[in-house]
Amino acid sequence: MHRVLWHAWKAYTRRASDYQAVVLLTLLYFCVLGPTVLGTRLVGLRLLDLDQRPRHSYWIAREPLAHSLAELERPF
């Protein structure tokens, strides 16, 4: 009897968690990501460099770091 109740409980919680995940992810998408995208488009910001112009390389050149012990001890 206990085993049947346990399996029924696990099946119920699995279905409930699936529905809960759909609801929470939908709310996240429409209440957080949607307004963020609209706000950045209104302001004119580009959060990702997704320029469609053809380029030779998409690599961003960085200045080389100093290789001293003091620089290695300070990671940020």
PDB file of N, CA and C in Angstrom:
ATOM      1  N   MET A   1       0.816  -1.199   0.000  1.00  0.00           N
ATOM      2  CA  MET A   1       0.000   0.000   0.000  1.00  0.00           C
ATOM      3  C   MET A   1       0.859   1.261   0.000  1.00  0.00           C
ATOM      4  N   HIS A   2       1.932   1.230   0.809  1.00  0.00           N
ATOM      5  CA  HIS A   2       2.813   2.395   0.893  1.00  0.00           C
ATOM      6  C   HIS A   2       3.511   2.656  -0.440  1.00  0.00           C
ATOM      7  N   ARG A   3       3.874   1.583  -1.111  1.00  0.00           N
ATOM      8  CA  ARG A   3       4.574   1.715  -2.390  1.00  0.00           C
ATOM      9  C   ARG A   3       3.665   2.343  -3.451  1.00  0.00           C
ATOM     10  N   VAL A   4       2.403   1.960  -3.456  1.00  0.00           N
ATOM     11  CA  VAL A   4       1.452   2.518  -4.426  1.00  0.00           C
ATOM     12  C   VAL A   4       1.255   4.006  -4.151  1.00  0.00           C
ATOM     13  N   LEU A   5       1.103   4.379  -2.879  1.00  0.00           N
ATOM     14  CA  LEU A   5       0.956   5.787  -2.534  1.00  0.00           C
ATOM     15  C   LEU A   5       2.205   6.584  -2.897  1.00  0.00           C
ATOM     16  N   TRP A   6       3.367   5.989  -2.650  1.00  0.00           N
ATOM     17  CA  TRP A   6       4.621   6.672  -2.963  1.00  0.00           C
ATOM     18  C   TRP A   6       4.744   6.921  -4.474  1.00  0.00           C
ATOM     19  N   HIS A   7       4.442   5.956  -5.289  1.00  0.00           N
ATOM     20  CA  HIS A   7       4.529   6.124  -6.744  1.00  0.00           C
ATOM     21  C   HIS A   7       3.472   7.117  -7.248  1.00  0.00           C
ATOM     22  N   ALA A   8       2.297   7.099  -6.653  1.00  0.00           N
ATOM     23  CA  ALA A   8       1.261   8.066  -7.028  1.00  0.00           C
ATOM     24  C   ALA A   8       1.699   9.483  -6.656  1.00  0.00           C
ATOM     25  N   TRP A   9       2.306   9.625  -5.474  1.00  0.00           N
ATOM     26  CA  TRP A   9       2.798  10.938  -5.048  1.00  0.00           C
ATOM     27  C   TRP A   9       3.899  11.440  -5.968  1.00  0.00           C
ATOM     28  N   LYS A  10       4.824  10.561  -6.350  1.00  0.00           N
ATOM     29  CA  LYS A  10       5.905  10.960  -7.246  1.00  0.00           C
ATOM     30  C   LYS A  10       5.361  11.365  -8.618  1.00  0.00           C
ATOM     31  N   ALA A  11       4.370  10.661  -9.117  1.00  0.00           N
ATOM     32  CA  ALA A  11       3.780  11.012 -10.409  1.00  0.00           C
ATOM     33  C   ALA A  11       3.079  12.369 -10.321  1.00  0.00           C
ATOM     34  N   TYR A  12       2.375  12.608  -9.231  1.00  0.00           N
ATOM     35  CA  TYR A  12       1.691  13.894  -9.056  1.00  0.00           C
ATOM     36  C   TYR A  12       2.706  15.041  -8.982  1.00  0.00           C
ATOM     37  N   THR A  13       3.752  14.878  -8.186  1.00  0.00           N
ATOM     38  CA  THR A  13       4.730  15.956  -8.036  1.00  0.00           C
ATOM     39  C   THR A  13       5.484  16.199  -9.339  1.00  0.00           C
ATOM     40  N   ARG A  14       5.688  15.165 -10.116  1.00  0.00           N
ATOM     41  CA  ARG A  14       6.338  15.343 -11.415  1.00  0.00           C
ATOM     42  C   ARG A  14       5.469  16.201 -12.342  1.00  0.00           C
ATOM     43  N   ARG A  15       4.181  15.901 -12.413  1.00  0.00           N
ATOM     44  CA  ARG A  15       3.271  16.700 -13.252  1.00  0.00           C
ATOM     45  C   ARG A  15       3.181  18.128 -12.728  1.00  0.00           C
ATOM     46  N   ALA A  16       3.092  18.287 -11.427  1.00  0.00           N
ATOM     47  CA  ALA A  16       2.992  19.621 -10.840  1.00  0.00           C
ATOM     48  C   ALA A  16       4.252  20.435 -11.104  1.00  0.00           C
ATOM     49  N   SER A  17       5.409  19.821 -11.014  1.00  0.00           N
ATOM     50  CA  SER A  17       6.652  20.548 -11.263  1.00  0.00           C
ATOM     51  C   SER A  17       6.794  20.913 -12.739  1.00  0.00           C
ATOM     52  N   ASP A  18       6.304  20.070 -13.637  1.00  0.00           N
ATOM     53  CA  ASP A  18       6.330  20.411 -15.060  1.00  0.00           C
ATOM     54  C   ASP A  18       5.468  21.637 -15.336  1.00  0.00           C
ATOM     55  N   TYR A  19       4.265  21.691 -14.784  1.00  0.00           N
ATOM     56  CA  TYR A  19       3.395  22.848 -14.966  1.00  0.00           C
ATOM     57  C   TYR A  19       4.004  24.102 -14.333  1.00  0.00           C
ATOM     58  N   GLN A  20       4.586  23.935 -13.160  1.00  0.00           N
ATOM     59  CA  GLN A  20       5.190  25.063 -12.465  1.00  0.00           C
ATOM     60  C   GLN A  20       6.362  25.624 -13.272  1.00  0.00           C
ATOM     61  N   ALA A  21       7.165  24.772 -13.855  1.00  0.00           N
ATOM     62  CA  ALA A  21       8.292  25.229 -14.659  1.00  0.00           C
ATOM     63  C   ALA A  21       7.814  26.003 -15.880  1.00  0.00           C
ATOM     64  N   VAL A  22       6.766  25.533 -16.522  1.00  0.00           N
ATOM     65  CA  VAL A  22       6.230  26.241 -17.693  1.00  0.00           C
ATOM     66  C   VAL A  22       5.730  27.617 -17.283  1.00  0.00           C
ATOM     67  N   VAL A  23       5.015  27.704 -16.185  1.00  0.00           N
ATOM     68  CA  VAL A  23       4.468  28.989 -15.732  1.00  0.00           C
ATOM     69  C   VAL A  23       5.594  29.946 -15.360  1.00  0.00           C
ATOM     70  N   LEU A  24       6.561  29.483 -14.596  1.00  0.00           N
ATOM     71  CA  LEU A  24       7.652  30.362 -14.166  1.00  0.00           C
ATOM     72  C   LEU A  24       8.516  30.827 -15.335  1.00  0.00           C
ATOM     73  N   LEU A  25       8.824  29.948 -16.259  1.00  0.00           N
ATOM     74  CA  LEU A  25       9.634  30.352 -17.406  1.00  0.00           C
ATOM     75  C   LEU A  25       8.872  31.300 -18.322  1.00  0.00           C
ATOM     76  N   THR A  26       7.566  31.112 -18.454  1.00  0.00           N
ATOM     77  CA  THR A  26       6.760  32.033 -19.250  1.00  0.00           C
ATOM     78  C   THR A  26       6.732  33.407 -18.602  1.00  0.00           C
ATOM     79  N   LEU A  27       6.554  33.458 -17.295  1.00  0.00           N
ATOM     80  CA  LEU A  27       6.584  34.739 -16.591  1.00  0.00           C
ATOM     81  C   LEU A  27       7.939  35.412 -16.719  1.00  0.00           C
ATOM     82  N   LEU A  28       9.003  34.645 -16.596  1.00  0.00           N
ATOM     83  CA  LEU A  28      10.347  35.201 -16.753  1.00  0.00           C
ATOM     84  C   LEU A  28      10.517  35.792 -18.140  1.00  0.00           C
ATOM     85  N   TYR A  29      10.055  35.095 -19.152  1.00  0.00           N
ATOM     86  CA  TYR A  29      10.217  35.554 -20.514  1.00  0.00           C
ATOM     87  C   TYR A  29       9.447  36.846 -20.757  1.00  0.00           C
ATOM     88  N   PHE A  30       8.187  36.893 -20.355  1.00  0.00           N
ATOM     89  CA  PHE A  30       7.356  38.053 -20.664  1.00  0.00           C
ATOM     90  C   PHE A  30       7.534  39.211 -19.686  1.00  0.00           C
ATOM     91  N   CYS A  31       7.950  38.949 -18.453  1.00  0.00           N
ATOM     92  CA  CYS A  31       8.064  40.022 -17.463  1.00  0.00           C
ATOM     93  C   CYS A  31       9.487  40.550 -17.296  1.00  0.00           C
ATOM     94  N   VAL A  32      10.487  39.799 -17.703  1.00  0.00           N
ATOM     95  CA  VAL A  32      11.868  40.250 -17.546  1.00  0.00           C
ATOM     96  C   VAL A  32      12.539  40.445 -18.900  1.00  0.00           C
ATOM     97  N   LEU A  33      12.574  39.406 -19.704  1.00  0.00           N
ATOM     98  CA  LEU A  33      13.299  39.494 -20.965  1.00  0.00           C
ATOM     99  C   LEU A  33      12.613  40.403 -21.977  1.00  0.00           C
ATOM    100  N   GLY A  34      11.312  40.340 -22.062  1.00  0.00           N
ATOM    101  CA  GLY A  34      10.588  41.177 -23.016  1.00  0.00           C
ATOM    102  C   GLY A  34      10.785  42.665 -22.766  1.00  0.00           C
ATOM    103  N   PRO A  35      10.521  43.165 -21.550  1.00  0.00           N
ATOM    104  CA  PRO A  35      10.747  44.590 -21.290  1.00  0.00           C
ATOM    105  C   PRO A  35      12.215  45.005 -21.439  1.00  0.00           C
ATOM    106  N   THR A  36      13.144  44.106 -21.126  1.00  0.00           N
ATOM    107  CA  THR A  36      14.561  44.426 -21.297  1.00  0.00           C
ATOM    108  C   THR A  36      14.883  44.644 -22.759  1.00  0.00           C
ATOM    109  N   VAL A  37      14.400  43.775 -23.618  1.00  0.00           N
ATOM    110  CA  VAL A  37      14.644  43.917 -25.056  1.00  0.00           C
ATOM    111  C   VAL A  37      13.999  45.190 -25.578  1.00  0.00           C
ATOM    112  N   LEU A  38      12.758  45.444 -25.188  1.00  0.00           N
ATOM    113  CA  LEU A  38      12.083  46.656 -25.640  1.00  0.00           C
ATOM    114  C   LEU A  38      12.809  47.912 -25.164  1.00  0.00           C
ATOM    115  N   GLY A  39      13.263  47.903 -23.923  1.00  0.00           N
ATOM    116  CA  GLY A  39      13.995  49.056 -23.385  1.00  0.00           C
ATOM    117  C   GLY A  39      15.301  49.308 -24.099  1.00  0.00           C
ATOM    118  N   THR A  40      16.052  48.259 -24.361  1.00  0.00           N
ATOM    119  CA  THR A  40      17.332  48.445 -25.051  1.00  0.00           C
ATOM    120  C   THR A  40      17.126  48.888 -26.488  1.00  0.00           C
ATOM    121  N   ARG A  41      16.076  48.421 -27.137  1.00  0.00           N
ATOM    122  CA  ARG A  41      15.800  48.864 -28.510  1.00  0.00           C
ATOM    123  C   ARG A  41      15.357  50.319 -28.542  1.00  0.00           C
ATOM    124  N   LEU A  42      14.565  50.747 -27.550  1.00  0.00           N
ATOM    125  CA  LEU A  42      14.138  52.138 -27.499  1.00  0.00           C
ATOM    126  C   LEU A  42      15.317  53.080 -27.258  1.00  0.00           C
ATOM    127  N   VAL A  43      16.262  52.645 -26.413  1.00  0.00           N
ATOM    128  CA  VAL A  43      17.428  53.461 -26.105  1.00  0.00           C
ATOM    129  C   VAL A  43      18.461  53.383 -27.229  1.00  0.00           C
ATOM    130  N   GLY A  44      18.460  52.297 -27.975  1.00  0.00           N
ATOM    131  CA  GLY A  44      19.406  52.136 -29.069  1.00  0.00           C
ATOM    132  C   GLY A  44      20.649  51.346 -28.705  1.00  0.00           C
ATOM    133  N   LEU A  45      20.612  50.637 -27.601  1.00  0.00           N
ATOM    134  CA  LEU A  45      21.767  49.830 -27.195  1.00  0.00           C
ATOM    135  C   LEU A  45      21.810  48.514 -27.965  1.00  0.00           C
ATOM    136  N   ARG A  46      23.022  48.017 -28.171  1.00  0.00           N
ATOM    137  CA  ARG A  46      23.204  46.699 -28.768  1.00  0.00           C
ATOM    138  C   ARG A  46      23.991  45.867 -27.760  1.00  0.00           C
ATOM    139  N   LEU A  47      23.305  44.923 -27.135  1.00  0.00           N
ATOM    140  CA  LEU A  47      23.951  44.122 -26.099  1.00  0.00           C
ATOM    141  C   LEU A  47      24.865  43.052 -26.678  1.00  0.00           C
ATOM    142  N   LEU A  48      24.581  42.606 -27.887  1.00  0.00           N
ATOM    143  CA  LEU A  48      25.429  41.630 -28.563  1.00  0.00           C
ATOM    144  C   LEU A  48      25.950  42.234 -29.853  1.00  0.00           C
ATOM    145  N   ASP A  49      27.164  41.887 -30.209  1.00  0.00           N
ATOM    146  CA  ASP A  49      27.742  42.377 -31.454  1.00  0.00           C
ATOM    147  C   ASP A  49      27.323  41.433 -32.578  1.00  0.00           C
ATOM    148  N   LEU A  50      26.106  41.634 -33.068  1.00  0.00           N
ATOM    149  CA  LEU A  50      25.584  40.780 -34.126  1.00  0.00           C
ATOM    150  C   LEU A  50      25.470  41.564 -35.429  1.00  0.00           C
ATOM    151  N   ASP A  51      26.509  42.294 -35.748  1.00  0.00           N
ATOM    152  CA  ASP A  51      26.526  43.097 -36.956  1.00  0.00           C
ATOM    153  C   ASP A  51      26.508  42.178 -38.168  1.00  0.00           C
ATOM    154  N   GLN A  52      25.672  42.489 -39.146  1.00  0.00           N
ATOM    155  CA  GLN A  52      25.509  41.627 -40.320  1.00  0.00           C
ATOM    156  C   GLN A  52      26.511  41.937 -41.425  1.00  0.00           C
ATOM    157  N   ARG A  53      27.270  43.016 -41.297  1.00  0.00           N
ATOM    158  CA  ARG A  53      28.258  43.322 -42.324  1.00  0.00           C
ATOM    159  C   ARG A  53      29.355  42.266 -42.323  1.00  0.00           C
ATOM    160  N   PRO A  54      29.784  41.848 -43.496  1.00  0.00           N
ATOM    161  CA  PRO A  54      30.864  40.850 -43.539  1.00  0.00           C
ATOM    162  C   PRO A  54      32.177  41.457 -43.048  1.00  0.00           C
ATOM    163  N   ARG A  55      32.871  40.702 -42.239  1.00  0.00           N
ATOM    164  CA  ARG A  55      34.163  41.124 -41.702  1.00  0.00           C
ATOM    165  C   ARG A  55      35.179  40.023 -41.948  1.00  0.00           C
ATOM    166  N   HIS A  56      36.431  40.426 -41.940  1.00  0.00           N
ATOM    167  CA  HIS A  56      37.491  39.430 -42.096  1.00  0.00           C
ATOM    168  C   HIS A  56      37.539  38.514 -40.873  1.00  0.00           C
ATOM    169  N   SER A  57      37.389  39.118 -39.681  1.00  0.00           N
ATOM    170  CA  SER A  57      37.438  38.340 -38.455  1.00  0.00           C
ATOM    171  C   SER A  57      36.561  39.008 -37.409  1.00  0.00           C
ATOM    172  N   TYR A  58      35.986  38.201 -36.541  1.00  0.00           N
ATOM    173  CA  TYR A  58      35.184  38.725 -35.448  1.00  0.00           C
ATOM    174  C   TYR A  58      35.982  38.759 -34.146  1.00  0.00           C
ATOM    175  N   TRP A  59      37.267  38.520 -34.235  1.00  0.00           N
ATOM    176  CA  TRP A  59      38.137  38.524 -33.078  1.00  0.00           C
ATOM    177  C   TRP A  59      38.316  39.947 -32.578  1.00  0.00           C
ATOM    178  N   ILE A  60      38.251  40.148 -31.267  1.00  0.00           N
ATOM    179  CA  ILE A  60      38.458  41.470 -30.668  1.00  0.00           C
ATOM    180  C   ILE A  60      39.883  41.508 -30.139  1.00  0.00           C
ATOM    181  N   ALA A  61      40.679  42.426 -30.667  1.00  0.00           N
ATOM    182  CA  ALA A  61      42.083  42.534 -30.252  1.00  0.00           C
ATOM    183  C   ALA A  61      42.167  43.116 -28.843  1.00  0.00           C
ATOM    184  N   ARG A  62      42.978  42.518 -28.005  1.00  0.00           N
ATOM    185  CA  ARG A  62      43.205  42.983 -26.637  1.00  0.00           C
ATOM    186  C   ARG A  62      44.686  43.266 -26.450  1.00  0.00           C
ATOM    187  N   GLU A  63      44.958  44.209 -25.568  1.00  0.00           N
ATOM    188  CA  GLU A  63      46.347  44.509 -25.246  1.00  0.00           C
ATOM    189  C   GLU A  63      46.914  43.382 -24.394  1.00  0.00           C
ATOM    190  N   PRO A  64      48.166  43.002 -24.634  1.00  0.00           N
ATOM    191  CA  PRO A  64      48.753  41.927 -23.807  1.00  0.00           C
ATOM    192  C   PRO A  64      48.931  42.389 -22.363  1.00  0.00           C
ATOM    193  N   LEU A  65      48.761  41.458 -21.455  1.00  0.00           N
ATOM    194  CA  LEU A  65      48.920  41.747 -20.038  1.00  0.00           C
ATOM    195  C   LEU A  65      50.387  41.678 -19.643  1.00  0.00           C
ATOM    196  N   ALA A  66      50.717  42.432 -18.608  1.00  0.00           N
ATOM    197  CA  ALA A  66      52.071  42.362 -18.069  1.00  0.00           C
ATOM    198  C   ALA A  66      52.239  41.024 -17.353  1.00  0.00           C
ATOM    199  N   HIS A  67      53.364  40.423 -17.519  1.00  0.00           N
ATOM    200  CA  HIS A  67      53.610  39.110 -16.910  1.00  0.00           C
ATOM    201  C   HIS A  67      54.476  39.257 -15.666  1.00  0.00           C
ATOM    202  N   SER A  68      54.022  40.053 -14.726  1.00  0.00           N
ATOM    203  CA  SER A  68      54.747  40.201 -13.474  1.00  0.00           C
ATOM    204  C   SER A  68      53.997  39.468 -12.369  1.00  0.00           C
ATOM    205  N   LEU A  69      54.676  39.190 -11.306  1.00  0.00           N
ATOM    206  CA  LEU A  69      54.070  38.495 -10.180  1.00  0.00           C
ATOM    207  C   LEU A  69      52.961  39.334  -9.557  1.00  0.00           C
ATOM    208  N   ALA A  70      53.145  40.634  -9.515  1.00  0.00           N
ATOM    209  CA  ALA A  70      52.128  41.514  -8.940  1.00  0.00           C
ATOM    210  C   ALA A  70      50.835  41.465  -9.770  1.00  0.00           C
ATOM    211  N   GLU A  71      50.947  41.403 -11.079  1.00  0.00           N
ATOM    212  CA  GLU A  71      49.763  41.306 -11.928  1.00  0.00           C
ATOM    213  C   GLU A  71      49.068  39.965 -11.761  1.00  0.00           C
ATOM    214  N   LEU A  72      49.818  38.897 -11.585  1.00  0.00           N
ATOM    215  CA  LEU A  72      49.215  37.575 -11.418  1.00  0.00           C
ATOM    216  C   LEU A  72      48.533  37.422 -10.067  1.00  0.00           C
ATOM    217  N   GLU A  73      48.968  38.148  -9.058  1.00  0.00           N
ATOM    218  CA  GLU A  73      48.347  38.073  -7.742  1.00  0.00           C
ATOM    219  C   GLU A  73      47.046  38.857  -7.699  1.00  0.00           C
ATOM    220  N   ARG A  74      46.833  39.771  -8.634  1.00  0.00           N
ATOM    221  CA  ARG A  74      45.618  40.580  -8.660  1.00  0.00           C
ATOM    222  C   ARG A  74      44.791  40.144  -9.874  1.00  0.00           C
ATOM    223  N   PRO A  75      43.819  39.210  -9.695  1.00  0.00           N
ATOM    224  CA  PRO A  75      43.107  38.653 -10.852  1.00  0.00           C
ATOM    225  C   PRO A  75      42.119  39.622 -11.505  1.00  0.00           C
ATOM    226  N   PHE A  76      41.615  40.600 -10.765  1.00  0.00           N
ATOM    227  CA  PHE A  76      40.602  41.504 -11.347  1.00  0.00           C
ATOM    228  C   PHE A  76      40.993  42.938 -11.156  1.00  0.00           C
TER     229      PHE A  76
END
